[in-house]
Amino acid sequence: MTQDTETATNEPHEPTPEERAARDRVRRRATGMTHHQTAKALEAAEQAAERSTGDLAAADTGTRAEVAEWRRITDLLFDHGGPYATEIDAYVQGQLTARRNRRTATS
């Protein structure tokens, strides 16, 4: 992935439904996994994306979101020492709070 593509993919934006679904799938699969297990899952996701498109940058947004989420969770667990759970993931908790606040503001 080029620096420009990586930066654009990781810039803050309102995720599409496809991106949300991909991240949710990864979080469900990652629950209970250790750092080593998520690192293997990340590697498998990267390889699958490259096999199907030849380059991760050419993959659809859902695939890129999936790989990015595996990467983020693997990084999170690097020095955590325990299994992944959304309850210990400050990023996920922040997203959930923002969604609740948005729903409350529009009600």
C-alpha atoms as a PDB file:
ATOM      1  CA  MET A   1       0.000   0.000   0.000  1.00  0.00           C
ATOM      2  CA  THR A   2       1.385   3.383  -0.873  1.00  0.00           C
ATOM      3  CA  GLN A   3       1.727   6.100   1.740  1.00  0.00           C
ATOM      4  CA  ASP A   4      -0.941   8.238   0.025  1.00  0.00           C
ATOM      5  CA  THR A   5      -3.442   5.368  -0.080  1.00  0.00           C
ATOM      6  CA  GLU A   6      -2.719   4.369   3.500  1.00  0.00           C
ATOM      7  CA  THR A   7      -3.130   7.940   4.727  1.00  0.00           C
ATOM      8  CA  ALA A   8      -6.389   8.408   2.822  1.00  0.00           C
ATOM      9  CA  THR A   9      -7.764   5.110   4.145  1.00  0.00           C
ATOM     10  CA  ASN A  10      -6.891   5.968   7.743  1.00  0.00           C
ATOM     11  CA  GLU A  11      -8.070   9.573   7.736  1.00  0.00           C
ATOM     12  CA  PRO A  12     -11.125  10.246   9.901  1.00  0.00           C
ATOM     13  CA  HIS A  13     -14.333   9.944   7.935  1.00  0.00           C
ATOM     14  CA  GLU A  14     -17.868   8.662   8.346  1.00  0.00           C
ATOM     15  CA  PRO A  15     -17.544   4.942   7.622  1.00  0.00           C
ATOM     16  CA  THR A  16     -19.742   3.403   4.963  1.00  0.00           C
ATOM     17  CA  PRO A  17     -22.108   0.583   5.921  1.00  0.00           C
ATOM     18  CA  GLU A  18     -19.693  -1.819   4.186  1.00  0.00           C
ATOM     19  CA  GLU A  19     -16.785  -0.554   6.321  1.00  0.00           C
ATOM     20  CA  ARG A  20     -18.839  -0.812   9.526  1.00  0.00           C
ATOM     21  CA  ALA A  21     -19.896  -4.356   8.704  1.00  0.00           C
ATOM     22  CA  ALA A  22     -16.308  -5.398   7.948  1.00  0.00           C
ATOM     23  CA  ARG A  23     -15.032  -3.912  11.223  1.00  0.00           C
ATOM     24  CA  ASP A  24     -17.836  -5.538  13.201  1.00  0.00           C
ATOM     25  CA  ARG A  25     -17.043  -8.942  11.634  1.00  0.00           C
ATOM     26  CA  VAL A  26     -13.374  -8.574  12.558  1.00  0.00           C
ATOM     27  CA  ARG A  27     -14.206  -7.544  16.131  1.00  0.00           C
ATOM     28  CA  ARG A  28     -16.490 -10.544  16.587  1.00  0.00           C
ATOM     29  CA  ARG A  29     -13.820 -12.910  15.222  1.00  0.00           C
ATOM     30  CA  ALA A  30     -11.062 -11.259  17.272  1.00  0.00           C
ATOM     31  CA  THR A  31     -12.917 -11.544  20.573  1.00  0.00           C
ATOM     32  CA  GLY A  32     -10.904 -13.874  22.786  1.00  0.00           C
ATOM     33  CA  MET A  33      -7.866 -13.919  20.467  1.00  0.00           C
ATOM     34  CA  THR A  34      -4.342 -13.170  21.634  1.00  0.00           C
ATOM     35  CA  HIS A  35      -1.823 -10.963  19.853  1.00  0.00           C
ATOM     36  CA  HIS A  36      -0.268 -13.923  18.024  1.00  0.00           C
ATOM     37  CA  GLN A  37      -3.652 -15.118  16.813  1.00  0.00           C
ATOM     38  CA  THR A  38      -4.670 -11.693  15.528  1.00  0.00           C
ATOM     39  CA  ALA A  39      -1.287 -11.308  13.817  1.00  0.00           C
ATOM     40  CA  LYS A  40      -1.963 -14.562  11.923  1.00  0.00           C
ATOM     41  CA  ALA A  41      -5.473 -13.383  11.033  1.00  0.00           C
ATOM     42  CA  LEU A  42      -4.045 -10.061   9.802  1.00  0.00           C
ATOM     43  CA  GLU A  43      -1.526 -11.854   7.628  1.00  0.00           C
ATOM     44  CA  ALA A  44      -4.249 -14.100   6.187  1.00  0.00           C
ATOM     45  CA  ALA A  45      -6.509 -11.094   5.448  1.00  0.00           C
ATOM     46  CA  GLU A  46      -3.657  -9.239   3.714  1.00  0.00           C
ATOM     47  CA  GLN A  47      -2.777 -12.292   1.629  1.00  0.00           C
ATOM     48  CA  ALA A  48      -6.408 -12.892   0.654  1.00  0.00           C
ATOM     49  CA  ALA A  49      -6.823  -9.262  -0.423  1.00  0.00           C
ATOM     50  CA  GLU A  50      -3.634  -9.341  -2.472  1.00  0.00           C
ATOM     51  CA  ARG A  51      -4.585 -12.655  -4.120  1.00  0.00           C
ATOM     52  CA  SER A  52      -7.984 -11.328  -5.168  1.00  0.00           C
ATOM     53  CA  THR A  53      -6.908  -7.885  -6.391  1.00  0.00           C
ATOM     54  CA  GLY A  54      -3.139  -8.058  -6.759  1.00  0.00           C
ATOM     55  CA  ASP A  55      -2.768  -5.061  -4.452  1.00  0.00           C
ATOM     56  CA  LEU A  56      -4.489  -4.091  -1.221  1.00  0.00           C
ATOM     57  CA  ALA A  57      -4.903  -0.526  -2.480  1.00  0.00           C
ATOM     58  CA  ALA A  58      -7.085  -1.878  -5.310  1.00  0.00           C
ATOM     59  CA  ALA A  59      -9.363  -3.820  -2.952  1.00  0.00           C
ATOM     60  CA  ASP A  60     -12.906  -2.712  -2.152  1.00  0.00           C
ATOM     61  CA  THR A  61     -13.552  -0.544   0.895  1.00  0.00           C
ATOM     62  CA  GLY A  62     -14.843  -3.447   2.974  1.00  0.00           C
ATOM     63  CA  THR A  63     -11.681  -5.465   2.396  1.00  0.00           C
ATOM     64  CA  ARG A  64      -9.455  -2.482   3.180  1.00  0.00           C
ATOM     65  CA  ALA A  65     -11.479  -1.796   6.346  1.00  0.00           C
ATOM     66  CA  GLU A  66     -11.141  -5.441   7.390  1.00  0.00           C
ATOM     67  CA  VAL A  67      -7.365  -5.402   6.982  1.00  0.00           C
ATOM     68  CA  ALA A  68      -7.107  -2.038   8.754  1.00  0.00           C
ATOM     69  CA  GLU A  69      -9.168  -3.332  11.689  1.00  0.00           C
ATOM     70  CA  TRP A  70      -7.045  -6.490  12.010  1.00  0.00           C
ATOM     71  CA  ARG A  71      -3.979  -4.248  11.957  1.00  0.00           C
ATOM     72  CA  ARG A  72      -5.401  -1.920  14.629  1.00  0.00           C
ATOM     73  CA  ILE A  73      -6.435  -4.772  16.942  1.00  0.00           C
ATOM     74  CA  THR A  74      -3.088  -6.538  16.487  1.00  0.00           C
ATOM     75  CA  ASP A  75      -1.303  -3.309  17.427  1.00  0.00           C
ATOM     76  CA  LEU A  76      -3.608  -2.857  20.432  1.00  0.00           C
ATOM     77  CA  LEU A  77      -2.786  -6.341  21.726  1.00  0.00           C
ATOM     78  CA  PHE A  78       0.965  -5.987  21.186  1.00  0.00           C
ATOM     79  CA  ASP A  79       1.618  -5.091  24.821  1.00  0.00           C
ATOM     80  CA  HIS A  80      -1.787  -5.914  26.316  1.00  0.00           C
ATOM     81  CA  GLY A  81      -0.951  -9.470  27.348  1.00  0.00           C
ATOM     82  CA  GLY A  82      -4.523 -10.713  27.295  1.00  0.00           C
ATOM     83  CA  PRO A  83      -7.219 -11.624  24.809  1.00  0.00           C
ATOM     84  CA  TYR A  84      -9.134  -9.060  22.777  1.00  0.00           C
ATOM     85  CA  ALA A  85     -12.519  -7.826  23.964  1.00  0.00           C
ATOM     86  CA  THR A  86     -14.441  -4.784  22.785  1.00  0.00           C
ATOM     87  CA  GLU A  87     -14.823  -3.757  26.429  1.00  0.00           C
ATOM     88  CA  ILE A  88     -11.053  -3.084  26.684  1.00  0.00           C
ATOM     89  CA  ASP A  89     -10.867  -1.325  23.321  1.00  0.00           C
ATOM     90  CA  ALA A  90     -10.996   2.432  23.889  1.00  0.00           C
ATOM     91  CA  TYR A  91     -11.466   3.065  20.151  1.00  0.00           C
ATOM     92  CA  VAL A  92     -14.582   0.883  19.994  1.00  0.00           C
ATOM     93  CA  GLN A  93     -15.967   2.357  23.204  1.00  0.00           C
ATOM     94  CA  GLY A  94     -15.485   5.849  21.766  1.00  0.00           C
ATOM     95  CA  GLN A  95     -17.348   4.872  18.590  1.00  0.00           C
ATOM     96  CA  LEU A  96     -20.235   3.423  20.576  1.00  0.00           C
ATOM     97  CA  THR A  97     -20.477   6.574  22.706  1.00  0.00           C
ATOM     98  CA  ALA A  98     -20.446   8.799  19.611  1.00  0.00           C
ATOM     99  CA  ARG A  99     -23.214   6.736  17.986  1.00  0.00           C
ATOM    100  CA  ARG A 100     -25.346   6.936  21.149  1.00  0.00           C
ATOM    101  CA  ASN A 101     -24.795  10.693  21.347  1.00  0.00           C
ATOM    102  CA  ARG A 102     -25.765  11.132  17.692  1.00  0.00           C
ATOM    103  CA  ARG A 103     -28.952   9.122  18.187  1.00  0.00           C
ATOM    104  CA  THR A 104     -29.828  11.160  21.294  1.00  0.00           C
ATOM    105  CA  ALA A 105     -29.185  14.451  19.481  1.00  0.00           C
ATOM    106  CA  THR A 106     -31.451  13.519  16.555  1.00  0.00           C
ATOM    107  CA  SER A 107     -34.292  12.196  18.725  1.00  0.00           C
END
